[in-house]
Amino acid sequence: MNCWLVNTGWVGGPYGIGHRISIKQHARAPRSRPDGALLDVEYQATRSSVPRAEDVPGVPDAVLRPAESWSNKELYDQKYRQLAARFIENFRKFEDGCPEDVIAAGPKL
């Protein structure tokens, strides 16, 4: 089974500066290649693994790599670390019985 994480974070900055990523736009990624072609494209490792924009028709690069759209990279890193820490802490209650590769795929600080 394949799983696609849909980013619902912020593009261009935090609340009050940037705007929410459109779920409709971001969810277009897996729907844009119903033939399974996204499984065979090159992925770029950022803080997550994302396909190149040219491999995902109709999805802007800023949606695939929101960090690049924030003018204040320090603030982006701060917000990322806060969110990752909350995710890691919350996921601990689900780790028992969870495959190691799933646990390893989570965010890193």
PDB file of N, CA and C in Angstrom:
ATOM      1  N   MET A   1       0.849  -1.172   0.000  1.00  0.00           N
ATOM      2  CA  MET A   1       0.000   0.000   0.000  1.00  0.00           C
ATOM      3  C   MET A   1       0.890   1.229   0.000  1.00  0.00           C
ATOM      4  N   ASN A   2       0.507   2.223  -0.754  1.00  0.00           N
ATOM      5  CA  ASN A   2       1.233   3.481  -0.807  1.00  0.00           C
ATOM      6  C   ASN A   2       0.458   4.537  -0.042  1.00  0.00           C
ATOM      7  N   CYS A   3       1.185   5.426   0.573  1.00  0.00           N
ATOM      8  CA  CYS A   3       0.567   6.476   1.368  1.00  0.00           C
ATOM      9  C   CYS A   3       1.145   7.819   0.951  1.00  0.00           C
ATOM     10  N   TRP A   4       0.283   8.809   0.809  1.00  0.00           N
ATOM     11  CA  TRP A   4       0.717  10.145   0.447  1.00  0.00           C
ATOM     12  C   TRP A   4       0.334  11.099   1.566  1.00  0.00           C
ATOM     13  N   LEU A   5       1.307  11.810   2.072  1.00  0.00           N
ATOM     14  CA  LEU A   5       1.054  12.814   3.099  1.00  0.00           C
ATOM     15  C   LEU A   5       0.719  14.125   2.404  1.00  0.00           C
ATOM     16  N   VAL A   6      -0.420  14.680   2.719  1.00  0.00           N
ATOM     17  CA  VAL A   6      -0.848  15.935   2.116  1.00  0.00           C
ATOM     18  C   VAL A   6      -0.520  17.064   3.083  1.00  0.00           C
ATOM     19  N   ASN A   7       0.269  18.020   2.615  1.00  0.00           N
ATOM     20  CA  ASN A   7       0.714  19.133   3.439  1.00  0.00           C
ATOM     21  C   ASN A   7      -0.412  20.163   3.556  1.00  0.00           C
ATOM     22  N   THR A   8      -0.794  20.483   4.761  1.00  0.00           N
ATOM     23  CA  THR A   8      -1.822  21.510   4.982  1.00  0.00           C
ATOM     24  C   THR A   8      -1.243  22.675   5.771  1.00  0.00           C
ATOM     25  N   GLY A   9       0.075  22.837   5.685  1.00  0.00           N
ATOM     26  CA  GLY A   9       0.766  23.906   6.403  1.00  0.00           C
ATOM     27  C   GLY A   9       0.652  25.252   5.701  1.00  0.00           C
ATOM     28  N   TRP A  10       1.667  26.057   5.879  1.00  0.00           N
ATOM     29  CA  TRP A  10       1.641  27.435   5.407  1.00  0.00           C
ATOM     30  C   TRP A  10       2.660  27.672   4.306  1.00  0.00           C
ATOM     31  N   VAL A  11       2.286  28.489   3.334  1.00  0.00           N
ATOM     32  CA  VAL A  11       3.158  28.914   2.250  1.00  0.00           C
ATOM     33  C   VAL A  11       3.456  30.394   2.453  1.00  0.00           C
ATOM     34  N   GLY A  12       4.712  30.760   2.347  1.00  0.00           N
ATOM     35  CA  GLY A  12       5.079  32.174   2.372  1.00  0.00           C
ATOM     36  C   GLY A  12       5.292  32.771   3.743  1.00  0.00           C
ATOM     37  N   GLY A  13       5.032  32.031   4.791  1.00  0.00           N
ATOM     38  CA  GLY A  13       5.227  32.550   6.141  1.00  0.00           C
ATOM     39  C   GLY A  13       4.170  32.006   7.086  1.00  0.00           C
ATOM     40  N   PRO A  14       4.286  32.363   8.380  1.00  0.00           N
ATOM     41  CA  PRO A  14       3.326  31.875   9.369  1.00  0.00           C
ATOM     42  C   PRO A  14       1.988  32.598   9.254  1.00  0.00           C
ATOM     43  N   TYR A  15       1.047  32.201  10.101  1.00  0.00           N
ATOM     44  CA  TYR A  15      -0.266  32.852  10.154  1.00  0.00           C
ATOM     45  C   TYR A  15      -0.081  34.362  10.229  1.00  0.00           C
ATOM     46  N   GLY A  16      -0.829  35.085   9.438  1.00  0.00           N
ATOM     47  CA  GLY A  16      -0.751  36.539   9.416  1.00  0.00           C
ATOM     48  C   GLY A  16       0.181  37.075   8.342  1.00  0.00           C
ATOM     49  N   ILE A  17       1.058  36.215   7.833  1.00  0.00           N
ATOM     50  CA  ILE A  17       1.970  36.616   6.758  1.00  0.00           C
ATOM     51  C   ILE A  17       1.712  35.768   5.522  1.00  0.00           C
ATOM     52  N   GLY A  18       1.747  34.453   5.714  1.00  0.00           N
ATOM     53  CA  GLY A  18       1.535  33.533   4.599  1.00  0.00           C
ATOM     54  C   GLY A  18       0.077  33.127   4.488  1.00  0.00           C
ATOM     55  N   HIS A  19      -0.160  32.054   3.790  1.00  0.00           N
ATOM     56  CA  HIS A  19      -1.526  31.523   3.663  1.00  0.00           C
ATOM     57  C   HIS A  19      -1.470  30.002   3.678  1.00  0.00           C
ATOM     58  N   ARG A  20      -2.582  29.395   4.054  1.00  0.00           N
ATOM     59  CA  ARG A  20      -2.684  27.934   4.115  1.00  0.00           C
ATOM     60  C   ARG A  20      -2.505  27.348   2.726  1.00  0.00           C
ATOM     61  N   ILE A  21      -1.834  26.216   2.690  1.00  0.00           N
ATOM     62  CA  ILE A  21      -1.729  25.472   1.444  1.00  0.00           C
ATOM     63  C   ILE A  21      -3.107  24.903   1.136  1.00  0.00           C
ATOM     64  N   SER A  22      -3.526  25.070  -0.073  1.00  0.00           N
ATOM     65  CA  SER A  22      -4.814  24.558  -0.506  1.00  0.00           C
ATOM     66  C   SER A  22      -4.786  23.026  -0.512  1.00  0.00           C
ATOM     67  N   ILE A  23      -5.672  22.416   0.250  1.00  0.00           N
ATOM     68  CA  ILE A  23      -5.744  20.950   0.268  1.00  0.00           C
ATOM     69  C   ILE A  23      -6.067  20.439  -1.138  1.00  0.00           C
ATOM     70  N   LYS A  24      -6.959  21.122  -1.817  1.00  0.00           N
ATOM     71  CA  LYS A  24      -7.340  20.718  -3.169  1.00  0.00           C
ATOM     72  C   LYS A  24      -6.112  20.732  -4.084  1.00  0.00           C
ATOM     73  N   GLN A  25      -5.308  21.786  -3.962  1.00  0.00           N
ATOM     74  CA  GLN A  25      -4.125  21.897  -4.802  1.00  0.00           C
ATOM     75  C   GLN A  25      -3.075  20.856  -4.437  1.00  0.00           C
ATOM     76  N   HIS A  26      -2.820  20.675  -3.160  1.00  0.00           N
ATOM     77  CA  HIS A  26      -1.793  19.728  -2.756  1.00  0.00           C
ATOM     78  C   HIS A  26      -2.220  18.287  -3.005  1.00  0.00           C
ATOM     79  N   ALA A  27      -3.479  17.990  -2.809  1.00  0.00           N
ATOM     80  CA  ALA A  27      -3.968  16.631  -3.048  1.00  0.00           C
ATOM     81  C   ALA A  27      -3.951  16.294  -4.531  1.00  0.00           C
ATOM     82  N   ARG A  28      -3.758  17.301  -5.357  1.00  0.00           N
ATOM     83  CA  ARG A  28      -3.662  17.075  -6.796  1.00  0.00           C
ATOM     84  C   ARG A  28      -2.444  16.211  -7.137  1.00  0.00           C
ATOM     85  N   ALA A  29      -1.420  16.223  -6.279  1.00  0.00           N
ATOM     86  CA  ALA A  29      -0.191  15.477  -6.575  1.00  0.00           C
ATOM     87  C   ALA A  29      -0.459  14.002  -6.846  1.00  0.00           C
ATOM     88  N   PRO A  30      -1.006  13.245  -5.904  1.00  0.00           N
ATOM     89  CA  PRO A  30      -1.232  11.829  -6.217  1.00  0.00           C
ATOM     90  C   PRO A  30      -2.286  11.618  -7.292  1.00  0.00           C
ATOM     91  N   ARG A  31      -3.275  12.530  -7.378  1.00  0.00           N
ATOM     92  CA  ARG A  31      -4.314  12.384  -8.403  1.00  0.00           C
ATOM     93  C   ARG A  31      -3.795  12.742  -9.791  1.00  0.00           C
ATOM     94  N   SER A  32      -2.708  13.540  -9.855  1.00  0.00           N
ATOM     95  CA  SER A  32      -2.201  13.966 -11.151  1.00  0.00           C
ATOM     96  C   SER A  32      -1.551  12.817 -11.911  1.00  0.00           C
ATOM     97  N   ARG A  33      -1.187  11.765 -11.195  1.00  0.00           N
ATOM     98  CA  ARG A  33      -0.519  10.633 -11.816  1.00  0.00           C
ATOM     99  C   ARG A  33      -1.206   9.337 -11.394  1.00  0.00           C
ATOM    100  N   PRO A  34      -2.485   9.139 -11.792  1.00  0.00           N
ATOM    101  CA  PRO A  34      -3.227   7.947 -11.355  1.00  0.00           C
ATOM    102  C   PRO A  34      -2.635   6.649 -11.870  1.00  0.00           C
ATOM    103  N   ASP A  35      -1.730   6.746 -12.838  1.00  0.00           N
ATOM    104  CA  ASP A  35      -1.120   5.547 -13.400  1.00  0.00           C
ATOM    105  C   ASP A  35      -0.022   4.973 -12.506  1.00  0.00           C
ATOM    106  N   GLY A  36       0.198   5.600 -11.336  1.00  0.00           N
ATOM    107  CA  GLY A  36       1.232   5.127 -10.421  1.00  0.00           C
ATOM    108  C   GLY A  36       2.613   5.661 -10.749  1.00  0.00           C
ATOM    109  N   ALA A  37       2.694   6.594 -11.696  1.00  0.00           N
ATOM    110  CA  ALA A  37       3.990   7.097 -12.140  1.00  0.00           C
ATOM    111  C   ALA A  37       4.764   7.809 -11.031  1.00  0.00           C
ATOM    112  N   LEU A  38       4.084   8.333 -10.014  1.00  0.00           N
ATOM    113  CA  LEU A  38       4.813   8.998  -8.932  1.00  0.00           C
ATOM    114  C   LEU A  38       5.677   8.029  -8.139  1.00  0.00           C
ATOM    115  N   LEU A  39       5.402   6.754  -8.270  1.00  0.00           N
ATOM    116  CA  LEU A  39       6.224   5.760  -7.579  1.00  0.00           C
ATOM    117  C   LEU A  39       7.593   5.606  -8.239  1.00  0.00           C
ATOM    118  N   ASP A  40       7.697   6.034  -9.498  1.00  0.00           N
ATOM    119  CA  ASP A  40       8.928   5.824 -10.259  1.00  0.00           C
ATOM    120  C   ASP A  40       9.668   7.109 -10.608  1.00  0.00           C
ATOM    121  N   VAL A  41       9.307   8.240  -9.999  1.00  0.00           N
ATOM    122  CA  VAL A  41      10.008   9.484 -10.288  1.00  0.00           C
ATOM    123  C   VAL A  41      11.102   9.723  -9.251  1.00  0.00           C
ATOM    124  N   GLU A  42      11.980  10.645  -9.574  1.00  0.00           N
ATOM    125  CA  GLU A  42      13.048  10.989  -8.640  1.00  0.00           C
ATOM    126  C   GLU A  42      12.476  11.853  -7.521  1.00  0.00           C
ATOM    127  N   TYR A  43      12.827  11.502  -6.297  1.00  0.00           N
ATOM    128  CA  TYR A  43      12.378  12.269  -5.138  1.00  0.00           C
ATOM    129  C   TYR A  43      13.541  13.056  -4.582  1.00  0.00           C
ATOM    130  N   GLN A  44      13.250  14.284  -4.150  1.00  0.00           N
ATOM    131  CA  GLN A  44      14.264  15.125  -3.544  1.00  0.00           C
ATOM    132  C   GLN A  44      14.086  15.089  -2.039  1.00  0.00           C
ATOM    133  N   ALA A  45      15.164  14.866  -1.340  1.00  0.00           N
ATOM    134  CA  ALA A  45      15.106  14.835   0.121  1.00  0.00           C
ATOM    135  C   ALA A  45      15.252  16.250   0.660  1.00  0.00           C
ATOM    136  N   THR A  46      14.209  16.716   1.298  1.00  0.00           N
ATOM    137  CA  THR A  46      14.269  17.961   2.044  1.00  0.00           C
ATOM    138  C   THR A  46      14.131  17.495   3.482  1.00  0.00           C
ATOM    139  N   ARG A  47      13.206  18.021   4.215  1.00  0.00           N
ATOM    140  CA  ARG A  47      12.905  17.440   5.531  1.00  0.00           C
ATOM    141  C   ARG A  47      11.971  16.258   5.364  1.00  0.00           C
ATOM    142  N   SER A  48      11.460  16.122   4.174  1.00  0.00           N
ATOM    143  CA  SER A  48      10.658  14.972   3.802  1.00  0.00           C
ATOM    144  C   SER A  48      11.076  14.615   2.379  1.00  0.00           C
ATOM    145  N   SER A  49      10.496  13.605   1.843  1.00  0.00           N
ATOM    146  CA  SER A  49      10.838  13.190   0.495  1.00  0.00           C
ATOM    147  C   SER A  49       9.708  13.618  -0.432  1.00  0.00           C
ATOM    148  N   VAL A  50      10.041  14.479  -1.397  1.00  0.00           N
ATOM    149  CA  VAL A  50       9.012  15.024  -2.283  1.00  0.00           C
ATOM    150  C   VAL A  50       9.429  14.868  -3.742  1.00  0.00           C
ATOM    151  N   PRO A  51       8.449  14.676  -4.608  1.00  0.00           N
ATOM    152  CA  PRO A  51       8.789  14.595  -6.033  1.00  0.00           C
ATOM    153  C   PRO A  51       9.175  15.978  -6.563  1.00  0.00           C
ATOM    154  N   ARG A  52       9.876  15.983  -7.677  1.00  0.00           N
ATOM    155  CA  ARG A  52      10.208  17.253  -8.332  1.00  0.00           C
ATOM    156  C   ARG A  52       8.930  17.845  -8.909  1.00  0.00           C
ATOM    157  N   ALA A  53       8.837  19.173  -8.936  1.00  0.00           N
ATOM    158  CA  ALA A  53       7.627  19.841  -9.408  1.00  0.00           C
ATOM    159  C   ALA A  53       7.287  19.449 -10.844  1.00  0.00           C
ATOM    160  N   GLU A  54       8.297  19.250 -11.674  1.00  0.00           N
ATOM    161  CA  GLU A  54       8.015  18.894 -13.073  1.00  0.00           C
ATOM    162  C   GLU A  54       7.376  17.519 -13.211  1.00  0.00           C
ATOM    163  N   ASP A  55       7.467  16.695 -12.165  1.00  0.00           N
ATOM    164  CA  ASP A  55       6.847  15.376 -12.196  1.00  0.00           C
ATOM    165  C   ASP A  55       5.420  15.381 -11.660  1.00  0.00           C
ATOM    166  N   VAL A  56       4.969  16.534 -11.172  1.00  0.00           N
ATOM    167  CA  VAL A  56       3.626  16.634 -10.581  1.00  0.00           C
ATOM    168  C   VAL A  56       2.888  17.793 -11.248  1.00  0.00           C
ATOM    169  N   PRO A  57       2.246  17.531 -12.370  1.00  0.00           N
ATOM    170  CA  PRO A  57       1.564  18.595 -13.108  1.00  0.00           C
ATOM    171  C   PRO A  57       0.521  19.331 -12.263  1.00  0.00           C
ATOM    172  N   GLY A  58       0.557  20.653 -12.331  1.00  0.00           N
ATOM    173  CA  GLY A  58      -0.451  21.461 -11.657  1.00  0.00           C
ATOM    174  C   GLY A  58      -0.193  21.747 -10.195  1.00  0.00           C
ATOM    175  N   VAL A  59       0.940  21.305  -9.652  1.00  0.00           N
ATOM    176  CA  VAL A  59       1.248  21.567  -8.245  1.00  0.00           C
ATOM    177  C   VAL A  59       2.495  22.447  -8.193  1.00  0.00           C
ATOM    178  N   PRO A  60       2.349  23.690  -7.723  1.00  0.00           N
ATOM    179  CA  PRO A  60       3.496  24.604  -7.673  1.00  0.00           C
ATOM    180  C   PRO A  60       4.598  24.114  -6.735  1.00  0.00           C
ATOM    181  N   ASP A  61       5.832  24.478  -7.055  1.00  0.00           N
ATOM    182  CA  ASP A  61       6.977  24.093  -6.242  1.00  0.00           C
ATOM    183  C   ASP A  61       6.818  24.570  -4.798  1.00  0.00           C
ATOM    184  N   ALA A  62       6.219  25.739  -4.588  1.00  0.00           N
ATOM    185  CA  ALA A  62       6.035  26.271  -3.227  1.00  0.00           C
ATOM    186  C   ALA A  62       5.146  25.360  -2.386  1.00  0.00           C
ATOM    187  N   VAL A  63       4.256  24.625  -3.013  1.00  0.00           N
ATOM    188  CA  VAL A  63       3.392  23.694  -2.289  1.00  0.00           C
ATOM    189  C   VAL A  63       4.173  22.433  -1.918  1.00  0.00           C
ATOM    190  N   LEU A  64       5.029  21.990  -2.830  1.00  0.00           N
ATOM    191  CA  LEU A  64       5.828  20.798  -2.559  1.00  0.00           C
ATOM    192  C   LEU A  64       6.952  21.081  -1.568  1.00  0.00           C
ATOM    193  N   ARG A  65       7.498  22.284  -1.597  1.00  0.00           N
ATOM    194  CA  ARG A  65       8.602  22.676  -0.717  1.00  0.00           C
ATOM    195  C   ARG A  65       8.300  24.033  -0.087  1.00  0.00           C
ATOM    196  N   PRO A  66       7.390  24.059   0.880  1.00  0.00           N
ATOM    197  CA  PRO A  66       6.977  25.345   1.450  1.00  0.00           C
ATOM    198  C   PRO A  66       8.105  26.127   2.111  1.00  0.00           C
ATOM    199  N   ALA A  67       9.143  25.466   2.583  1.00  0.00           N
ATOM    200  CA  ALA A  67      10.258  26.187   3.227  1.00  0.00           C
ATOM    201  C   ALA A  67      10.863  27.204   2.273  1.00  0.00           C
ATOM    202  N   GLU A  68      10.864  26.875   0.994  1.00  0.00           N
ATOM    203  CA  GLU A  68      11.450  27.778   0.000  1.00  0.00           C
ATOM    204  C   GLU A  68      10.630  29.052  -0.189  1.00  0.00           C
ATOM    205  N   SER A  69       9.381  29.044   0.229  1.00  0.00           N
ATOM    206  CA  SER A  69       8.523  30.213   0.029  1.00  0.00           C
ATOM    207  C   SER A  69       8.537  31.174   1.222  1.00  0.00           C
ATOM    208  N   TRP A  70       9.163  30.765   2.318  1.00  0.00           N
ATOM    209  CA  TRP A  70       9.242  31.635   3.500  1.00  0.00           C
ATOM    210  C   TRP A  70      10.458  32.543   3.356  1.00  0.00           C
ATOM    211  N   SER A  71      10.270  33.847   3.462  1.00  0.00           N
ATOM    212  CA  SER A  71      11.408  34.764   3.376  1.00  0.00           C
ATOM    213  C   SER A  71      12.278  34.673   4.627  1.00  0.00           C
ATOM    214  N   ASN A  72      11.679  34.356   5.772  1.00  0.00           N
ATOM    215  CA  ASN A  72      12.424  34.235   7.024  1.00  0.00           C
ATOM    216  C   ASN A  72      12.690  32.753   7.293  1.00  0.00           C
ATOM    217  N   LYS A  73      13.841  32.273   6.825  1.00  0.00           N
ATOM    218  CA  LYS A  73      14.178  30.849   6.960  1.00  0.00           C
ATOM    219  C   LYS A  73      14.361  30.446   8.418  1.00  0.00           C
ATOM    220  N   GLU A  74      14.865  31.356   9.247  1.00  0.00           N
ATOM    221  CA  GLU A  74      15.028  31.063  10.677  1.00  0.00           C
ATOM    222  C   GLU A  74      13.681  30.787  11.335  1.00  0.00           C
ATOM    223  N   LEU A  75      12.688  31.616  11.002  1.00  0.00           N
ATOM    224  CA  LEU A  75      11.349  31.432  11.557  1.00  0.00           C
ATOM    225  C   LEU A  75      10.749  30.123  11.058  1.00  0.00           C
ATOM    226  N   TYR A  76      10.966  29.792   9.782  1.00  0.00           N
ATOM    227  CA  TYR A  76      10.474  28.514   9.263  1.00  0.00           C
ATOM    228  C   TYR A  76      11.089  27.352  10.049  1.00  0.00           C
ATOM    229  N   ASP A  77      12.400  27.409  10.250  1.00  0.00           N
ATOM    230  CA  ASP A  77      13.070  26.339  11.000  1.00  0.00           C
ATOM    231  C   ASP A  77      12.519  26.227  12.422  1.00  0.00           C
ATOM    232  N   GLN A  78      12.268  27.363  13.047  1.00  0.00           N
ATOM    233  CA  GLN A  78      11.711  27.362  14.407  1.00  0.00           C
ATOM    234  C   GLN A  78      10.334  26.704  14.414  1.00  0.00           C
ATOM    235  N   LYS A  79       9.472  27.100  13.489  1.00  0.00           N
ATOM    236  CA  LYS A  79       8.122  26.526  13.421  1.00  0.00           C
ATOM    237  C   LYS A  79       8.184  25.038  13.080  1.00  0.00           C
ATOM    238  N   TYR A  80       9.111  24.660  12.184  1.00  0.00           N
ATOM    239  CA  TYR A  80       9.261  23.249  11.843  1.00  0.00           C
ATOM    240  C   TYR A  80       9.633  22.441  13.082  1.00  0.00           C
ATOM    241  N   ARG A  81      10.625  22.914  13.832  1.00  0.00           N
ATOM    242  CA  ARG A  81      11.067  22.183  15.024  1.00  0.00           C
ATOM    243  C   ARG A  81       9.945  22.055  16.050  1.00  0.00           C
ATOM    244  N   GLN A  82       9.153  23.117  16.222  1.00  0.00           N
ATOM    245  CA  GLN A  82       8.033  23.061  17.168  1.00  0.00           C
ATOM    246  C   GLN A  82       7.020  22.010  16.740  1.00  0.00           C
ATOM    247  N   LEU A  83       6.655  22.022  15.471  1.00  0.00           N
ATOM    248  CA  LEU A  83       5.669  21.067  14.963  1.00  0.00           C
ATOM    249  C   LEU A  83       6.213  19.644  14.997  1.00  0.00           C
ATOM    250  N   ALA A  84       7.476  19.462  14.594  1.00  0.00           N
ATOM    251  CA  ALA A  84       8.084  18.122  14.612  1.00  0.00           C
ATOM    252  C   ALA A  84       8.123  17.570  16.033  1.00  0.00           C
ATOM    253  N   ALA A  85       8.476  18.398  17.002  1.00  0.00           N
ATOM    254  CA  ALA A  85       8.533  17.953  18.403  1.00  0.00           C
ATOM    255  C   ALA A  85       7.153  17.519  18.880  1.00  0.00           C
ATOM    256  N   ARG A  86       6.124  18.266  18.509  1.00  0.00           N
ATOM    257  CA  ARG A  86       4.761  17.896  18.901  1.00  0.00           C
ATOM    258  C   ARG A  86       4.344  16.590  18.243  1.00  0.00           C
ATOM    259  N   PHE A  87       4.686  16.406  16.969  1.00  0.00           N
ATOM    260  CA  PHE A  87       4.362  15.170  16.264  1.00  0.00           C
ATOM    261  C   PHE A  87       5.060  13.986  16.924  1.00  0.00           C
ATOM    262  N   ILE A  88       6.363  14.124  17.185  1.00  0.00           N
ATOM    263  CA  ILE A  88       7.143  13.044  17.790  1.00  0.00           C
ATOM    264  C   ILE A  88       6.552  12.654  19.140  1.00  0.00           C
ATOM    265  N   GLU A  89       6.252  13.640  19.947  1.00  0.00           N
ATOM    266  CA  GLU A  89       5.681  13.374  21.274  1.00  0.00           C
ATOM    267  C   GLU A  89       4.325  12.665  21.157  1.00  0.00           C
ATOM    268  N   ASN A  90       3.477  13.134  20.270  1.00  0.00           N
ATOM    269  CA  ASN A  90       2.152  12.536  20.098  1.00  0.00           C
ATOM    270  C   ASN A  90       2.247  11.116  19.536  1.00  0.00           C
ATOM    271  N   PHE A  91       3.193  10.880  18.632  1.00  0.00           N
ATOM    272  CA  PHE A  91       3.299   9.569  17.989  1.00  0.00           C
ATOM    273  C   PHE A  91       3.762   8.483  18.956  1.00  0.00           C
ATOM    274  N   ARG A  92       4.419   8.860  20.023  1.00  0.00           N
ATOM    275  CA  ARG A  92       4.906   7.862  20.997  1.00  0.00           C
ATOM    276  C   ARG A  92       3.793   6.929  21.467  1.00  0.00           C
ATOM    277  N   LYS A  93       2.571   7.428  21.574  1.00  0.00           N
ATOM    278  CA  LYS A  93       1.481   6.579  22.043  1.00  0.00           C
ATOM    279  C   LYS A  93       1.045   5.543  21.008  1.00  0.00           C
ATOM    280  N   PHE A  94       1.549   5.645  19.774  1.00  0.00           N
ATOM    281  CA  PHE A  94       1.189   4.701  18.708  1.00  0.00           C
ATOM    282  C   PHE A  94       2.345   3.783  18.317  1.00  0.00           C
ATOM    283  N   GLU A  95       3.516   3.940  18.939  1.00  0.00           N
ATOM    284  CA  GLU A  95       4.701   3.199  18.514  1.00  0.00           C
ATOM    285  C   GLU A  95       4.650   1.706  18.810  1.00  0.00           C
ATOM    286  N   ASP A  96       4.001   1.298  19.900  1.00  0.00           N
ATOM    287  CA  ASP A  96       3.932  -0.130  20.224  1.00  0.00           C
ATOM    288  C   ASP A  96       3.268  -0.888  19.076  1.00  0.00           C
ATOM    289  N   GLY A  97       3.981  -1.863  18.547  1.00  0.00           N
ATOM    290  CA  GLY A  97       3.439  -2.661  17.453  1.00  0.00           C
ATOM    291  C   GLY A  97       3.574  -2.025  16.089  1.00  0.00           C
ATOM    292  N   CYS A  98       4.133  -0.828  16.035  1.00  0.00           N
ATOM    293  CA  CYS A  98       4.291  -0.129  14.758  1.00  0.00           C
ATOM    294  C   CYS A  98       5.608  -0.578  14.105  1.00  0.00           C
ATOM    295  N   PRO A  99       5.610  -0.869  12.815  1.00  0.00           N
ATOM    296  CA  PRO A  99       6.847  -1.281  12.149  1.00  0.00           C
ATOM    297  C   PRO A  99       7.943  -0.215  12.276  1.00  0.00           C
ATOM    298  N   GLU A 100       9.183  -0.675  12.408  1.00  0.00           N
ATOM    299  CA  GLU A 100      10.319   0.233  12.579  1.00  0.00           C
ATOM    300  C   GLU A 100      10.453   1.223  11.422  1.00  0.00           C
ATOM    301  N   ASP A 101      10.177   0.776  10.193  1.00  0.00           N
ATOM    302  CA  ASP A 101      10.332   1.687   9.056  1.00  0.00           C
ATOM    303  C   ASP A 101       9.301   2.818   9.096  1.00  0.00           C
ATOM    304  N   VAL A 102       8.141   2.560   9.659  1.00  0.00           N
ATOM    305  CA  VAL A 102       7.129   3.607   9.817  1.00  0.00           C
ATOM    306  C   VAL A 102       7.590   4.609  10.868  1.00  0.00           C
ATOM    307  N   ILE A 103       8.096   4.105  11.983  1.00  0.00           N
ATOM    308  CA  ILE A 103       8.610   4.980  13.037  1.00  0.00           C
ATOM    309  C   ILE A 103       9.756   5.827  12.505  1.00  0.00           C
ATOM    310  N   ALA A 104      10.659   5.210  11.738  1.00  0.00           N
ATOM    311  CA  ALA A 104      11.819   5.913  11.199  1.00  0.00           C
ATOM    312  C   ALA A 104      11.443   6.971  10.180  1.00  0.00           C
ATOM    313  N   ALA A 105      10.258   6.858   9.576  1.00  0.00           N
ATOM    314  CA  ALA A 105       9.847   7.804   8.537  1.00  0.00           C
ATOM    315  C   ALA A 105       9.325   9.119   9.111  1.00  0.00           C
ATOM    316  N   GLY A 106       9.157   9.203  10.412  1.00  0.00           N
ATOM    317  CA  GLY A 106       8.635  10.418  11.026  1.00  0.00           C
ATOM    318  C   GLY A 106       9.627  11.559  10.982  1.00  0.00           C
ATOM    319  N   PRO A 107       9.196  12.734  11.419  1.00  0.00           N
ATOM    320  CA  PRO A 107      10.076  13.906  11.386  1.00  0.00           C
ATOM    321  C   PRO A 107      11.269  13.742  12.331  1.00  0.00           C
ATOM    322  N   LYS A 108      12.346  14.436  11.977  1.00  0.00           N
ATOM    323  CA  LYS A 108      13.575  14.407  12.781  1.00  0.00           C
ATOM    324  C   LYS A 108      13.859  15.816  13.279  1.00  0.00           C
ATOM    325  N   LEU A 109      14.421  15.876  14.465  1.00  0.00           N
ATOM    326  CA  LEU A 109      14.827  17.186  15.008  1.00  0.00           C
ATOM    327  C   LEU A 109      16.322  17.370  14.827  1.00  0.00           C
TER     328      LEU A 109
END
